Amino acid sequence: MSDKFTSDNSVMLLIDHQVGTMQLIKNIPLEVVKRNTLALAKTAKILNIPIVLTSSQEQNVQGALMPELEGILPEAFEKRIKRAGLVNAWEDINFKQAVEDTQRKNIIMAGVTTDVCLVYPAISARREGYNVQAVMDASGSPFDISEEMSRRRMEREGVVLTATNTLIAELAQDWSRPQGSQLLQVLFEDVLPKIG
């Protein structure tokens, strides 16, 4: 990757974190995915990172986006891209345009499920020259095998696989910065397992 991911050059995409779709996650505890997804949303808010939310067929079994996202990011939630049914969010012109409008080449991406909602846009964005980090513990799949194959496909295309705590530390850069203490709070309250 040519650019270090910073709050000034990155955009965050949260794809299909819908209450119905999330029930399909079996390779990682659902509660972990929820906590990490909300931690990413809080991180974007603290650092003023542009964020694009998208959903697919909210009226069907997939259901609405996690309601907690609306509480953290009301504007992004209101502007979410509601896809009619395209599997690859990158092929939705409104979604892709929302990303392009940020004029940022570093994409932080998480999606539910990894093996359908995340793998395709991550690869598509890489092929168009974006730097992509996929946050694997804010994503998940119904099967270990489909998760593993999707991870391999993404890595072969140059997508960097990461975890929520690693990404937050990368974006923080320096815990002594004004936002550093807020990010530490997100890490210890939302991401890291409770000790003791």
C-alpha atoms as a PDB file:
ATOM      1  CA  MET A   1       0.000   0.000   0.000  1.00  0.00           C
ATOM      2  CA  SER A   2       1.320   3.392  -0.917  1.00  0.00           C
ATOM      3  CA  ASP A   3      -0.364   5.401   1.805  1.00  0.00           C
ATOM      4  CA  LYS A   4      -0.423   4.922   5.541  1.00  0.00           C
ATOM      5  CA  PHE A   5      -4.046   4.828   6.642  1.00  0.00           C
ATOM      6  CA  THR A   6      -4.856   8.007   8.567  1.00  0.00           C
ATOM      7  CA  SER A   7      -7.996   9.872   9.545  1.00  0.00           C
ATOM      8  CA  ASP A   8      -7.229  12.360   6.766  1.00  0.00           C
ATOM      9  CA  ASN A   9      -6.940   9.924   3.866  1.00  0.00           C
ATOM     10  CA  SER A  10      -9.342   7.086   4.728  1.00  0.00           C
ATOM     11  CA  VAL A  11     -13.028   6.375   4.273  1.00  0.00           C
ATOM     12  CA  MET A  12     -14.970   3.735   6.209  1.00  0.00           C
ATOM     13  CA  LEU A  13     -17.579   1.474   4.612  1.00  0.00           C
ATOM     14  CA  LEU A  14     -19.938  -0.632   6.713  1.00  0.00           C
ATOM     15  CA  ILE A  15     -21.788  -3.034   4.442  1.00  0.00           C
ATOM     16  CA  ASP A  16     -25.042  -4.813   5.323  1.00  0.00           C
ATOM     17  CA  HIS A  17     -24.789  -4.890   9.111  1.00  0.00           C
ATOM     18  CA  GLN A  18     -28.492  -5.731   9.127  1.00  0.00           C
ATOM     19  CA  VAL A  19     -30.279  -7.396  12.002  1.00  0.00           C
ATOM     20  CA  GLY A  20     -31.426 -10.357   9.893  1.00  0.00           C
ATOM     21  CA  THR A  21     -28.211 -10.896   7.946  1.00  0.00           C
ATOM     22  CA  MET A  22     -26.128 -10.768  11.118  1.00  0.00           C
ATOM     23  CA  GLN A  23     -27.925 -13.866  12.400  1.00  0.00           C
ATOM     24  CA  LEU A  24     -26.065 -15.803   9.689  1.00  0.00           C
ATOM     25  CA  ILE A  25     -22.708 -15.277  11.415  1.00  0.00           C
ATOM     26  CA  LYS A  26     -21.438 -18.546  12.900  1.00  0.00           C
ATOM     27  CA  ASN A  27     -17.627 -18.372  12.650  1.00  0.00           C
ATOM     28  CA  ILE A  28     -17.259 -15.693  15.327  1.00  0.00           C
ATOM     29  CA  PRO A  29     -19.557 -14.748  18.231  1.00  0.00           C
ATOM     30  CA  LEU A  30     -22.269 -12.401  16.984  1.00  0.00           C
ATOM     31  CA  GLU A  31     -21.825 -10.152  20.027  1.00  0.00           C
ATOM     32  CA  VAL A  32     -18.163  -9.631  19.109  1.00  0.00           C
ATOM     33  CA  VAL A  33     -19.090  -8.559  15.580  1.00  0.00           C
ATOM     34  CA  LYS A  34     -21.720  -6.144  16.925  1.00  0.00           C
ATOM     35  CA  ARG A  35     -19.334  -4.572  19.452  1.00  0.00           C
ATOM     36  CA  ASN A  36     -16.567  -4.180  16.889  1.00  0.00           C
ATOM     37  CA  THR A  37     -18.887  -2.716  14.263  1.00  0.00           C
ATOM     38  CA  LEU A  38     -20.072  -0.090  16.733  1.00  0.00           C
ATOM     39  CA  ALA A  39     -16.464   0.564  17.791  1.00  0.00           C
ATOM     40  CA  LEU A  40     -15.589   1.263  14.148  1.00  0.00           C
ATOM     41  CA  ALA A  41     -18.527   3.645  13.874  1.00  0.00           C
ATOM     42  CA  LYS A  42     -17.424   5.460  17.046  1.00  0.00           C
ATOM     43  CA  THR A  43     -13.849   5.641  15.760  1.00  0.00           C
ATOM     44  CA  ALA A  44     -15.002   7.215  12.503  1.00  0.00           C
ATOM     45  CA  LYS A  45     -17.047   9.746  14.455  1.00  0.00           C
ATOM     46  CA  ILE A  46     -14.198  10.660  16.820  1.00  0.00           C
ATOM     47  CA  LEU A  47     -11.726  11.100  13.964  1.00  0.00           C
ATOM     48  CA  ASN A  48     -14.170  12.682  11.486  1.00  0.00           C
ATOM     49  CA  ILE A  49     -13.566   9.913   8.967  1.00  0.00           C
ATOM     50  CA  PRO A  50     -16.212   9.885   6.228  1.00  0.00           C
ATOM     51  CA  ILE A  51     -18.403   6.823   6.562  1.00  0.00           C
ATOM     52  CA  VAL A  52     -20.749   5.196   4.069  1.00  0.00           C
ATOM     53  CA  LEU A  53     -23.397   2.769   5.266  1.00  0.00           C
ATOM     54  CA  THR A  54     -25.284   0.478   2.923  1.00  0.00           C
ATOM     55  CA  SER A  55     -28.006  -2.132   3.218  1.00  0.00           C
ATOM     56  CA  SER A  56     -29.705  -4.560   0.868  1.00  0.00           C
ATOM     57  CA  GLN A  57     -33.439  -5.148   0.780  1.00  0.00           C
ATOM     58  CA  GLU A  58     -34.203  -3.937   4.295  1.00  0.00           C
ATOM     59  CA  GLN A  59     -37.851  -4.857   3.803  1.00  0.00           C
ATOM     60  CA  ASN A  60     -36.983  -8.548   3.401  1.00  0.00           C
ATOM     61  CA  VAL A  61     -35.444 -11.137   5.704  1.00  0.00           C
ATOM     62  CA  GLN A  62     -32.183  -9.154   5.827  1.00  0.00           C
ATOM     63  CA  GLY A  63     -33.942  -6.544   7.974  1.00  0.00           C
ATOM     64  CA  ALA A  64     -32.892  -3.036   8.979  1.00  0.00           C
ATOM     65  CA  LEU A  65     -29.387  -1.875   9.785  1.00  0.00           C
ATOM     66  CA  MET A  66     -28.347  -2.253  13.420  1.00  0.00           C
ATOM     67  CA  PRO A  67     -30.348   0.479  15.200  1.00  0.00           C
ATOM     68  CA  GLU A  68     -27.317   1.417  17.326  1.00  0.00           C
ATOM     69  CA  LEU A  69     -25.634   2.750  14.183  1.00  0.00           C
ATOM     70  CA  GLU A  70     -28.326   5.403  13.896  1.00  0.00           C
ATOM     71  CA  GLY A  71     -27.573   6.575  17.430  1.00  0.00           C
ATOM     72  CA  ILE A  72     -23.840   6.914  16.724  1.00  0.00           C
ATOM     73  CA  LEU A  73     -23.989   8.194  13.136  1.00  0.00           C
ATOM     74  CA  PRO A  74     -27.431   9.706  12.524  1.00  0.00           C
ATOM     75  CA  GLU A  75     -26.437  11.548   9.320  1.00  0.00           C
ATOM     76  CA  ALA A  76     -24.682   8.572   7.731  1.00  0.00           C
ATOM     77  CA  PHE A  77     -27.603   6.372   8.769  1.00  0.00           C
ATOM     78  CA  GLU A  78     -30.081   8.740   7.133  1.00  0.00           C
ATOM     79  CA  LYS A  79     -27.977   8.852   3.939  1.00  0.00           C
ATOM     80  CA  ARG A  80     -27.349   5.092   3.852  1.00  0.00           C
ATOM     81  CA  ILE A  81     -27.385   3.528   0.411  1.00  0.00           C
ATOM     82  CA  LYS A  82     -30.370   1.201   0.213  1.00  0.00           C
ATOM     83  CA  ARG A  83     -29.509  -1.296  -2.507  1.00  0.00           C
ATOM     84  CA  ALA A  84     -32.328  -2.954  -4.416  1.00  0.00           C
ATOM     85  CA  GLY A  85     -30.554  -6.300  -4.447  1.00  0.00           C
ATOM     86  CA  LEU A  86     -27.100  -6.001  -6.009  1.00  0.00           C
ATOM     87  CA  VAL A  87     -24.850  -8.471  -4.192  1.00  0.00           C
ATOM     88  CA  ASN A  88     -21.640  -6.507  -4.875  1.00  0.00           C
ATOM     89  CA  ALA A  89     -22.207  -3.112  -3.278  1.00  0.00           C
ATOM     90  CA  TRP A  90     -19.404  -1.694  -5.446  1.00  0.00           C
ATOM     91  CA  GLU A  91     -21.611  -2.264  -8.513  1.00  0.00           C
ATOM     92  CA  ASP A  92     -24.325  -0.008  -7.056  1.00  0.00           C
ATOM     93  CA  ILE A  93     -23.723   3.378  -8.689  1.00  0.00           C
ATOM     94  CA  ASN A  94     -24.960   5.317  -5.652  1.00  0.00           C
ATOM     95  CA  PHE A  95     -22.676   3.422  -3.271  1.00  0.00           C
ATOM     96  CA  LYS A  96     -19.631   3.759  -5.498  1.00  0.00           C
ATOM     97  CA  GLN A  97     -20.377   7.446  -6.060  1.00  0.00           C
ATOM     98  CA  ALA A  98     -20.610   8.046  -2.312  1.00  0.00           C
ATOM     99  CA  VAL A  99     -17.124   6.537  -1.932  1.00  0.00           C
ATOM    100  CA  GLU A 100     -15.708   8.492  -4.874  1.00  0.00           C
ATOM    101  CA  ASP A 101     -17.174  11.732  -3.510  1.00  0.00           C
ATOM    102  CA  THR A 102     -14.911  11.457  -0.469  1.00  0.00           C
ATOM    103  CA  GLN A 103     -11.859  11.609  -2.787  1.00  0.00           C
ATOM    104  CA  ARG A 104     -10.021   9.187  -0.502  1.00  0.00           C
ATOM    105  CA  LYS A 105      -8.048   6.208  -1.792  1.00  0.00           C
ATOM    106  CA  ASN A 106      -7.757   4.275   1.483  1.00  0.00           C
ATOM    107  CA  ILE A 107     -10.835   2.222   2.272  1.00  0.00           C
ATOM    108  CA  ILE A 108     -11.613   0.590   5.615  1.00  0.00           C
ATOM    109  CA  MET A 109     -14.300  -1.993   4.991  1.00  0.00           C
ATOM    110  CA  ALA A 110     -16.382  -4.416   7.046  1.00  0.00           C
ATOM    111  CA  GLY A 111     -19.387  -6.398   5.893  1.00  0.00           C
ATOM    112  CA  VAL A 112     -21.877  -9.053   6.881  1.00  0.00           C
ATOM    113  CA  THR A 113     -21.412 -11.550   5.604  1.00  0.00           C
ATOM    114  CA  THR A 114     -17.699 -11.780   4.794  1.00  0.00           C
ATOM    115  CA  ASP A 115     -18.314 -14.453   2.171  1.00  0.00           C
ATOM    116  CA  VAL A 116     -20.944 -12.462   0.256  1.00  0.00           C
ATOM    117  CA  CYS A 117     -21.198  -8.813   1.327  1.00  0.00           C
ATOM    118  CA  LEU A 118     -17.500  -8.054   1.944  1.00  0.00           C
ATOM    119  CA  VAL A 119     -15.429 -10.181  -0.426  1.00  0.00           C
ATOM    120  CA  TYR A 120     -16.780  -8.760  -3.695  1.00  0.00           C
ATOM    121  CA  PRO A 121     -16.601  -4.984  -3.014  1.00  0.00           C
ATOM    122  CA  ALA A 122     -13.200  -5.407  -1.344  1.00  0.00           C
ATOM    123  CA  ILE A 123     -11.799  -7.098  -4.440  1.00  0.00           C
ATOM    124  CA  SER A 124     -13.558  -4.679  -6.812  1.00  0.00           C
ATOM    125  CA  ALA A 125     -12.168  -1.635  -5.006  1.00  0.00           C
ATOM    126  CA  ARG A 126      -8.637  -3.111  -5.038  1.00  0.00           C
ATOM    127  CA  ARG A 127      -8.857  -3.755  -8.768  1.00  0.00           C
ATOM    128  CA  GLU A 128      -9.725  -0.092  -9.280  1.00  0.00           C
ATOM    129  CA  GLY A 129      -6.623   1.055  -7.438  1.00  0.00           C
ATOM    130  CA  TYR A 130      -7.912   1.634  -3.915  1.00  0.00           C
ATOM    131  CA  ASN A 131      -5.995   0.507  -0.850  1.00  0.00           C
ATOM    132  CA  VAL A 132      -8.355  -1.688   1.164  1.00  0.00           C
ATOM    133  CA  GLN A 133      -8.256  -2.967   4.729  1.00  0.00           C
ATOM    134  CA  ALA A 134     -10.954  -5.483   5.623  1.00  0.00           C
ATOM    135  CA  VAL A 135     -11.835  -5.611   9.316  1.00  0.00           C
ATOM    136  CA  MET A 136     -12.376  -9.295   9.911  1.00  0.00           C
ATOM    137  CA  ASP A 137     -13.803  -9.194  13.441  1.00  0.00           C
ATOM    138  CA  ALA A 138     -16.524  -6.742  12.360  1.00  0.00           C
ATOM    139  CA  SER A 139     -17.517  -9.216   9.650  1.00  0.00           C
ATOM    140  CA  GLY A 140     -18.474 -12.885   9.689  1.00  0.00           C
ATOM    141  CA  SER A 141     -19.777 -15.856   7.706  1.00  0.00           C
ATOM    142  CA  PRO A 142     -22.155 -18.798   8.143  1.00  0.00           C
ATOM    143  CA  PHE A 143     -19.412 -21.362   7.478  1.00  0.00           C
ATOM    144  CA  ASP A 144     -15.738 -21.607   8.407  1.00  0.00           C
ATOM    145  CA  ILE A 145     -14.905 -22.807   4.894  1.00  0.00           C
ATOM    146  CA  SER A 146     -16.602 -19.888   3.128  1.00  0.00           C
ATOM    147  CA  GLU A 147     -14.944 -17.434   5.523  1.00  0.00           C
ATOM    148  CA  GLU A 148     -11.527 -18.977   4.879  1.00  0.00           C
ATOM    149  CA  MET A 149     -11.940 -19.024   1.099  1.00  0.00           C
ATOM    150  CA  SER A 150     -13.106 -15.402   1.081  1.00  0.00           C
ATOM    151  CA  ARG A 151     -10.112 -14.339   3.168  1.00  0.00           C
ATOM    152  CA  ARG A 152      -7.781 -16.109   0.761  1.00  0.00           C
ATOM    153  CA  ARG A 153      -9.411 -14.479  -2.258  1.00  0.00           C
ATOM    154  CA  MET A 154      -9.140 -11.016  -0.719  1.00  0.00           C
ATOM    155  CA  GLU A 155      -5.510 -11.492   0.284  1.00  0.00           C
ATOM    156  CA  ARG A 156      -4.601 -12.705  -3.209  1.00  0.00           C
ATOM    157  CA  GLU A 157      -6.019  -9.442  -4.565  1.00  0.00           C
ATOM    158  CA  GLY A 158      -3.979  -7.337  -2.146  1.00  0.00           C
ATOM    159  CA  VAL A 159      -6.659  -6.606   0.459  1.00  0.00           C
ATOM    160  CA  VAL A 160      -5.070  -6.244   3.896  1.00  0.00           C
ATOM    161  CA  LEU A 161      -6.924  -8.221   6.564  1.00  0.00           C
ATOM    162  CA  THR A 162      -6.996  -6.564   9.973  1.00  0.00           C
ATOM    163  CA  ALA A 163      -8.807  -6.516  13.313  1.00  0.00           C
ATOM    164  CA  THR A 164     -10.675  -3.715  15.037  1.00  0.00           C
ATOM    165  CA  ASN A 165      -8.120  -3.040  17.783  1.00  0.00           C
ATOM    166  CA  THR A 166      -5.239  -3.041  15.268  1.00  0.00           C
ATOM    167  CA  LEU A 167      -7.061  -0.622  12.995  1.00  0.00           C
ATOM    168  CA  ILE A 168      -7.990   1.753  15.822  1.00  0.00           C
ATOM    169  CA  ALA A 169      -4.355   1.863  16.963  1.00  0.00           C
ATOM    170  CA  GLU A 170      -3.212   2.512  13.386  1.00  0.00           C
ATOM    171  CA  LEU A 171      -5.638   5.407  12.995  1.00  0.00           C
ATOM    172  CA  ALA A 172      -4.873   6.800  16.469  1.00  0.00           C
ATOM    173  CA  GLN A 173      -1.138   7.067  15.639  1.00  0.00           C
ATOM    174  CA  ASP A 174      -0.459   8.658  19.025  1.00  0.00           C
ATOM    175  CA  TRP A 175      -2.510   7.994  22.165  1.00  0.00           C
ATOM    176  CA  SER A 176      -1.455  11.387  23.558  1.00  0.00           C
ATOM    177  CA  ARG A 177      -3.314  13.232  20.794  1.00  0.00           C
ATOM    178  CA  PRO A 178      -6.600  14.854  21.868  1.00  0.00           C
ATOM    179  CA  GLN A 179      -8.617  12.051  20.231  1.00  0.00           C
ATOM    180  CA  GLY A 180      -6.254   9.399  21.613  1.00  0.00           C
ATOM    181  CA  SER A 181      -7.919   9.173  25.004  1.00  0.00           C
ATOM    182  CA  GLN A 182     -11.347   8.894  23.360  1.00  0.00           C
ATOM    183  CA  LEU A 183     -10.098   6.070  21.141  1.00  0.00           C
ATOM    184  CA  LEU A 184      -8.566   4.292  24.131  1.00  0.00           C
ATOM    185  CA  GLN A 185     -11.948   4.502  25.811  1.00  0.00           C
ATOM    186  CA  VAL A 186     -13.582   2.869  22.767  1.00  0.00           C
ATOM    187  CA  LEU A 187     -10.908   0.153  22.810  1.00  0.00           C
ATOM    188  CA  PHE A 188     -11.285  -0.686  26.492  1.00  0.00           C
ATOM    189  CA  GLU A 189     -15.064  -0.300  26.712  1.00  0.00           C
ATOM    190  CA  ASP A 190     -16.106  -1.864  23.417  1.00  0.00           C
ATOM    191  CA  VAL A 191     -13.372  -3.966  21.865  1.00  0.00           C
ATOM    192  CA  LEU A 192     -11.021  -5.559  24.364  1.00  0.00           C
ATOM    193  CA  PRO A 193     -12.332  -8.410  26.501  1.00  0.00           C
ATOM    194  CA  LYS A 194     -13.167  -7.501  30.031  1.00  0.00           C
ATOM    195  CA  ILE A 195     -10.316  -8.474  32.332  1.00  0.00           C
ATOM    196  CA  GLY A 196     -11.054  -9.982  35.717  1.00  0.00           C
END
